[in-house]
Amino acid sequence: MESLNSGVSADAYTAPCDLRMNFNGLWAAATERLGEDPKSGALFVFGNRRRNRVT
């Protein structure tokens, strides 16, 4: 298990996400739906509809 530094934030997208999206699709979800900048160094967690997979 990895530990996070105190300066790193983790954001979880709680709505189901199509995990077949490419990098650009997940980037768009982070910027448009979460309102976060993917270049900020934060970690983003996306889950599928059945909630049994994350990316």
PDB file of N, CA and C in Angstrom:
ATOM      1  N   MET A   1       0.841  -1.178   0.000  1.00  0.00           N
ATOM      2  CA  MET A   1       0.000   0.000   0.000  1.00  0.00           C
ATOM      3  C   MET A   1       0.882   1.236   0.000  1.00  0.00           C
ATOM      4  N   GLU A   2       0.502   2.195  -0.801  1.00  0.00           N
ATOM      5  CA  GLU A   2       1.258   3.440  -0.915  1.00  0.00           C
ATOM      6  C   GLU A   2       0.672   4.494   0.012  1.00  0.00           C
ATOM      7  N   SER A   3       1.527   5.326   0.541  1.00  0.00           N
ATOM      8  CA  SER A   3       1.047   6.434   1.362  1.00  0.00           C
ATOM      9  C   SER A   3       1.191   7.726   0.579  1.00  0.00           C
ATOM     10  N   LEU A   4       0.353   8.685   0.883  1.00  0.00           N
ATOM     11  CA  LEU A   4       0.355   9.970   0.197  1.00  0.00           C
ATOM     12  C   LEU A   4       1.033  11.020   1.065  1.00  0.00           C
ATOM     13  N   ASN A   5       1.729  11.931   0.420  1.00  0.00           N
ATOM     14  CA  ASN A   5       2.268  13.077   1.136  1.00  0.00           C
ATOM     15  C   ASN A   5       1.117  13.978   1.543  1.00  0.00           C
ATOM     16  N   SER A   6       1.341  14.804   2.511  1.00  0.00           N
ATOM     17  CA  SER A   6       0.263  15.683   2.966  1.00  0.00           C
ATOM     18  C   SER A   6      -0.117  16.717   1.906  1.00  0.00           C
ATOM     19  N   GLY A   7       0.746  16.966   0.940  1.00  0.00           N
ATOM     20  CA  GLY A   7       0.452  17.942  -0.093  1.00  0.00           C
ATOM     21  C   GLY A   7      -0.292  17.381  -1.290  1.00  0.00           C
ATOM     22  N   VAL A   8      -0.547  16.075  -1.312  1.00  0.00           N
ATOM     23  CA  VAL A   8      -1.215  15.442  -2.450  1.00  0.00           C
ATOM     24  C   VAL A   8      -2.680  15.231  -2.108  1.00  0.00           C
ATOM     25  N   SER A   9      -3.557  15.655  -3.013  1.00  0.00           N
ATOM     26  CA  SER A   9      -4.984  15.428  -2.789  1.00  0.00           C
ATOM     27  C   SER A   9      -5.469  14.315  -3.709  1.00  0.00           C
ATOM     28  N   ALA A  10      -6.499  13.620  -3.287  1.00  0.00           N
ATOM     29  CA  ALA A  10      -7.118  12.559  -4.089  1.00  0.00           C
ATOM     30  C   ALA A  10      -8.583  12.903  -4.275  1.00  0.00           C
ATOM     31  N   ASP A  11      -9.025  12.904  -5.525  1.00  0.00           N
ATOM     32  CA  ASP A  11     -10.409  13.234  -5.857  1.00  0.00           C
ATOM     33  C   ASP A  11     -11.076  12.021  -6.476  1.00  0.00           C
ATOM     34  N   ALA A  12     -12.246  11.654  -5.958  1.00  0.00           N
ATOM     35  CA  ALA A  12     -12.991  10.515  -6.483  1.00  0.00           C
ATOM     36  C   ALA A  12     -14.215  11.019  -7.234  1.00  0.00           C
ATOM     37  N   TYR A  13     -14.377  10.528  -8.445  1.00  0.00           N
ATOM     38  CA  TYR A  13     -15.553  10.843  -9.246  1.00  0.00           C
ATOM     39  C   TYR A  13     -16.588   9.779  -8.905  1.00  0.00           C
ATOM     40  N   THR A  14     -17.666  10.153  -8.224  1.00  0.00           N
ATOM     41  CA  THR A  14     -18.602   9.182  -7.669  1.00  0.00           C
ATOM     42  C   THR A  14     -19.629   8.660  -8.663  1.00  0.00           C
ATOM     43  N   ALA A  15     -19.881   9.380  -9.739  1.00  0.00           N
ATOM     44  CA  ALA A  15     -20.823   8.895 -10.756  1.00  0.00           C
ATOM     45  C   ALA A  15     -20.147   7.807 -11.590  1.00  0.00           C
ATOM     46  N   PRO A  16     -20.918   6.851 -12.106  1.00  0.00           N
ATOM     47  CA  PRO A  16     -20.312   5.816 -12.950  1.00  0.00           C
ATOM     48  C   PRO A  16     -19.626   6.431 -14.169  1.00  0.00           C
ATOM     49  N   CYS A  17     -18.479   5.884 -14.512  1.00  0.00           N
ATOM     50  CA  CYS A  17     -17.687   6.387 -15.620  1.00  0.00           C
ATOM     51  C   CYS A  17     -17.364   5.234 -16.558  1.00  0.00           C
ATOM     52  N   ASP A  18     -17.447   5.477 -17.842  1.00  0.00           N
ATOM     53  CA  ASP A  18     -17.090   4.458 -18.825  1.00  0.00           C
ATOM     54  C   ASP A  18     -15.575   4.335 -18.842  1.00  0.00           C
ATOM     55  N   LEU A  19     -15.052   3.235 -18.313  1.00  0.00           N
ATOM     56  CA  LEU A  19     -13.614   3.068 -18.187  1.00  0.00           C
ATOM     57  C   LEU A  19     -12.939   2.768 -19.518  1.00  0.00           C
ATOM     58  N   ARG A  20     -13.706   2.647 -20.598  1.00  0.00           N
ATOM     59  CA  ARG A  20     -13.113   2.470 -21.927  1.00  0.00           C
ATOM     60  C   ARG A  20     -12.678   3.798 -22.521  1.00  0.00           C
ATOM     61  N   MET A  21     -12.963   4.899 -21.808  1.00  0.00           N
ATOM     62  CA  MET A  21     -12.520   6.209 -22.289  1.00  0.00           C
ATOM     63  C   MET A  21     -11.000   6.223 -22.358  1.00  0.00           C
ATOM     64  N   ASN A  22     -10.495   6.947 -23.323  1.00  0.00           N
ATOM     65  CA  ASN A  22      -9.052   7.088 -23.410  1.00  0.00           C
ATOM     66  C   ASN A  22      -8.568   8.158 -22.435  1.00  0.00           C
ATOM     67  N   PHE A  23      -7.302   8.453 -22.488  1.00  0.00           N
ATOM     68  CA  PHE A  23      -6.714   9.438 -21.591  1.00  0.00           C
ATOM     69  C   PHE A  23      -7.407  10.785 -21.716  1.00  0.00           C
ATOM     70  N   ASN A  24      -7.705  11.197 -22.937  1.00  0.00           N
ATOM     71  CA  ASN A  24      -8.344  12.498 -23.145  1.00  0.00           C
ATOM     72  C   ASN A  24      -9.745  12.543 -22.545  1.00  0.00           C
ATOM     73  N   GLY A  25     -10.474  11.436 -22.578  1.00  0.00           N
ATOM     74  CA  GLY A  25     -11.805  11.394 -21.984  1.00  0.00           C
ATOM     75  C   GLY A  25     -11.767  11.520 -20.472  1.00  0.00           C
ATOM     76  N   LEU A  26     -10.813  10.844 -19.835  1.00  0.00           N
ATOM     77  CA  LEU A  26     -10.679  10.958 -18.379  1.00  0.00           C
ATOM     78  C   LEU A  26     -10.169  12.344 -17.990  1.00  0.00           C
ATOM     79  N   TRP A  27      -9.311  12.920 -18.818  1.00  0.00           N
ATOM     80  CA  TRP A  27      -8.830  14.290 -18.587  1.00  0.00           C
ATOM     81  C   TRP A  27     -10.021  15.252 -18.621  1.00  0.00           C
ATOM     82  N   ALA A  28     -10.907  15.087 -19.604  1.00  0.00           N
ATOM     83  CA  ALA A  28     -12.085  15.948 -19.726  1.00  0.00           C
ATOM     84  C   ALA A  28     -13.008  15.771 -18.529  1.00  0.00           C
ATOM     85  N   ALA A  29     -13.170  14.531 -18.047  1.00  0.00           N
ATOM     86  CA  ALA A  29     -14.020  14.294 -16.880  1.00  0.00           C
ATOM     87  C   ALA A  29     -13.446  14.986 -15.651  1.00  0.00           C
ATOM     88  N   ALA A  30     -12.145  14.971 -15.513  1.00  0.00           N
ATOM     89  CA  ALA A  30     -11.522  15.630 -14.357  1.00  0.00           C
ATOM     90  C   ALA A  30     -11.694  17.140 -14.423  1.00  0.00           C
ATOM     91  N   THR A  31     -11.556  17.722 -15.605  1.00  0.00           N
ATOM     92  CA  THR A  31     -11.656  19.173 -15.701  1.00  0.00           C
ATOM     93  C   THR A  31     -13.097  19.669 -15.691  1.00  0.00           C
ATOM     94  N   GLU A  32     -13.962  19.021 -16.462  1.00  0.00           N
ATOM     95  CA  GLU A  32     -15.335  19.520 -16.597  1.00  0.00           C
ATOM     96  C   GLU A  32     -16.228  19.115 -15.433  1.00  0.00           C
ATOM     97  N   ARG A  33     -16.165  17.868 -15.025  1.00  0.00           N
ATOM     98  CA  ARG A  33     -17.101  17.378 -14.006  1.00  0.00           C
ATOM     99  C   ARG A  33     -16.604  17.599 -12.592  1.00  0.00           C
ATOM    100  N   LEU A  34     -15.303  17.466 -12.376  1.00  0.00           N
ATOM    101  CA  LEU A  34     -14.765  17.676 -11.038  1.00  0.00           C
ATOM    102  C   LEU A  34     -14.297  19.102 -10.820  1.00  0.00           C
ATOM    103  N   GLY A  35     -14.050  19.820 -11.911  1.00  0.00           N
ATOM    104  CA  GLY A  35     -13.578  21.191 -11.791  1.00  0.00           C
ATOM    105  C   GLY A  35     -12.151  21.281 -11.291  1.00  0.00           C
ATOM    106  N   GLU A  36     -11.350  20.257 -11.538  1.00  0.00           N
ATOM    107  CA  GLU A  36      -9.968  20.226 -11.083  1.00  0.00           C
ATOM    108  C   GLU A  36      -9.016  20.252 -12.271  1.00  0.00           C
ATOM    109  N   ASP A  37      -7.798  20.688 -12.038  1.00  0.00           N
ATOM    110  CA  ASP A  37      -6.773  20.700 -13.072  1.00  0.00           C
ATOM    111  C   ASP A  37      -5.952  19.418 -12.963  1.00  0.00           C
ATOM    112  N   PRO A  38      -5.974  18.556 -13.981  1.00  0.00           N
ATOM    113  CA  PRO A  38      -5.220  17.308 -13.921  1.00  0.00           C
ATOM    114  C   PRO A  38      -3.711  17.507 -13.779  1.00  0.00           C
ATOM    115  N   LYS A  39      -3.201  18.680 -14.134  1.00  0.00           N
ATOM    116  CA  LYS A  39      -1.771  18.946 -14.007  1.00  0.00           C
ATOM    117  C   LYS A  39      -1.385  19.405 -12.609  1.00  0.00           C
ATOM    118  N   SER A  40      -2.337  19.444 -11.681  1.00  0.00           N
ATOM    119  CA  SER A  40      -2.063  19.952 -10.337  1.00  0.00           C
ATOM    120  C   SER A  40      -1.304  18.956  -9.463  1.00  0.00           C
ATOM    121  N   GLY A  41      -1.177  17.707  -9.913  1.00  0.00           N
ATOM    122  CA  GLY A  41      -0.481  16.700  -9.118  1.00  0.00           C
ATOM    123  C   GLY A  41      -1.415  15.873  -8.257  1.00  0.00           C
ATOM    124  N   ALA A  42      -2.709  16.118  -8.351  1.00  0.00           N
ATOM    125  CA  ALA A  42      -3.690  15.365  -7.572  1.00  0.00           C
ATOM    126  C   ALA A  42      -3.922  13.995  -8.197  1.00  0.00           C
ATOM    127  N   LEU A  43      -4.447  13.077  -7.410  1.00  0.00           N
ATOM    128  CA  LEU A  43      -4.829  11.756  -7.897  1.00  0.00           C
ATOM    129  C   LEU A  43      -6.324  11.747  -8.160  1.00  0.00           C
ATOM    130  N   PHE A  44      -6.734  11.135  -9.269  1.00  0.00           N
ATOM    131  CA  PHE A  44      -8.138  11.063  -9.638  1.00  0.00           C
ATOM    132  C   PHE A  44      -8.552   9.604  -9.711  1.00  0.00           C
ATOM    133  N   VAL A  45      -9.691   9.275  -9.099  1.00  0.00           N
ATOM    134  CA  VAL A  45     -10.190   7.903  -9.063  1.00  0.00           C
ATOM    135  C   VAL A  45     -11.539   7.866  -9.763  1.00  0.00           C
ATOM    136  N   PHE A  46     -11.674   6.973 -10.747  1.00  0.00           N
ATOM    137  CA  PHE A  46     -12.910   6.794 -11.491  1.00  0.00           C
ATOM    138  C   PHE A  46     -13.347   5.347 -11.332  1.00  0.00           C
ATOM    139  N   GLY A  47     -14.649   5.113 -11.168  1.00  0.00           N
ATOM    140  CA  GLY A  47     -15.184   3.761 -11.027  1.00  0.00           C
ATOM    141  C   GLY A  47     -16.224   3.455 -12.087  1.00  0.00           C
ATOM    142  N   ASN A  48     -16.458   2.159 -12.311  1.00  0.00           N
ATOM    143  CA  ASN A  48     -17.445   1.757 -13.313  1.00  0.00           C
ATOM    144  C   ASN A  48     -18.841   1.674 -12.699  1.00  0.00           C
ATOM    145  N   ARG A  49     -19.813   1.326 -13.499  1.00  0.00           N
ATOM    146  CA  ARG A  49     -21.211   1.307 -13.069  1.00  0.00           C
ATOM    147  C   ARG A  49     -21.458   0.266 -11.968  1.00  0.00           C
ATOM    148  N   ARG A  50     -20.847  -0.908 -12.090  1.00  0.00           N
ATOM    149  CA  ARG A  50     -21.044  -1.964 -11.082  1.00  0.00           C
ATOM    150  C   ARG A  50     -20.206  -1.755  -9.816  1.00  0.00           C
ATOM    151  N   ARG A  51     -19.365  -0.733  -9.839  1.00  0.00           N
ATOM    152  CA  ARG A  51     -18.508  -0.399  -8.704  1.00  0.00           C
ATOM    153  C   ARG A  51     -17.571  -1.533  -8.300  1.00  0.00           C
ATOM    154  N   ASN A  52     -17.097  -2.288  -9.307  1.00  0.00           N
ATOM    155  CA  ASN A  52     -16.142  -3.347  -8.998  1.00  0.00           C
ATOM    156  C   ASN A  52     -14.783  -3.112  -9.659  1.00  0.00           C
ATOM    157  N   ARG A  53     -14.624  -1.999 -10.345  1.00  0.00           N
ATOM    158  CA  ARG A  53     -13.341  -1.651 -10.963  1.00  0.00           C
ATOM    159  C   ARG A  53     -13.093  -0.142 -10.814  1.00  0.00           C
ATOM    160  N   VAL A  54     -11.846   0.200 -10.620  1.00  0.00           N
ATOM    161  CA  VAL A  54     -11.461   1.609 -10.554  1.00  0.00           C
ATOM    162  C   VAL A  54     -10.237   1.818 -11.432  1.00  0.00           C
ATOM    163  N   THR A  55     -10.056   3.042 -11.847  1.00  0.00           N
ATOM    164  CA  THR A  55      -8.865   3.427 -12.591  1.00  0.00           C
ATOM    165  C   THR A  55      -8.388   4.779 -12.121  1.00  0.00           C
TER     166      THR A  55
END
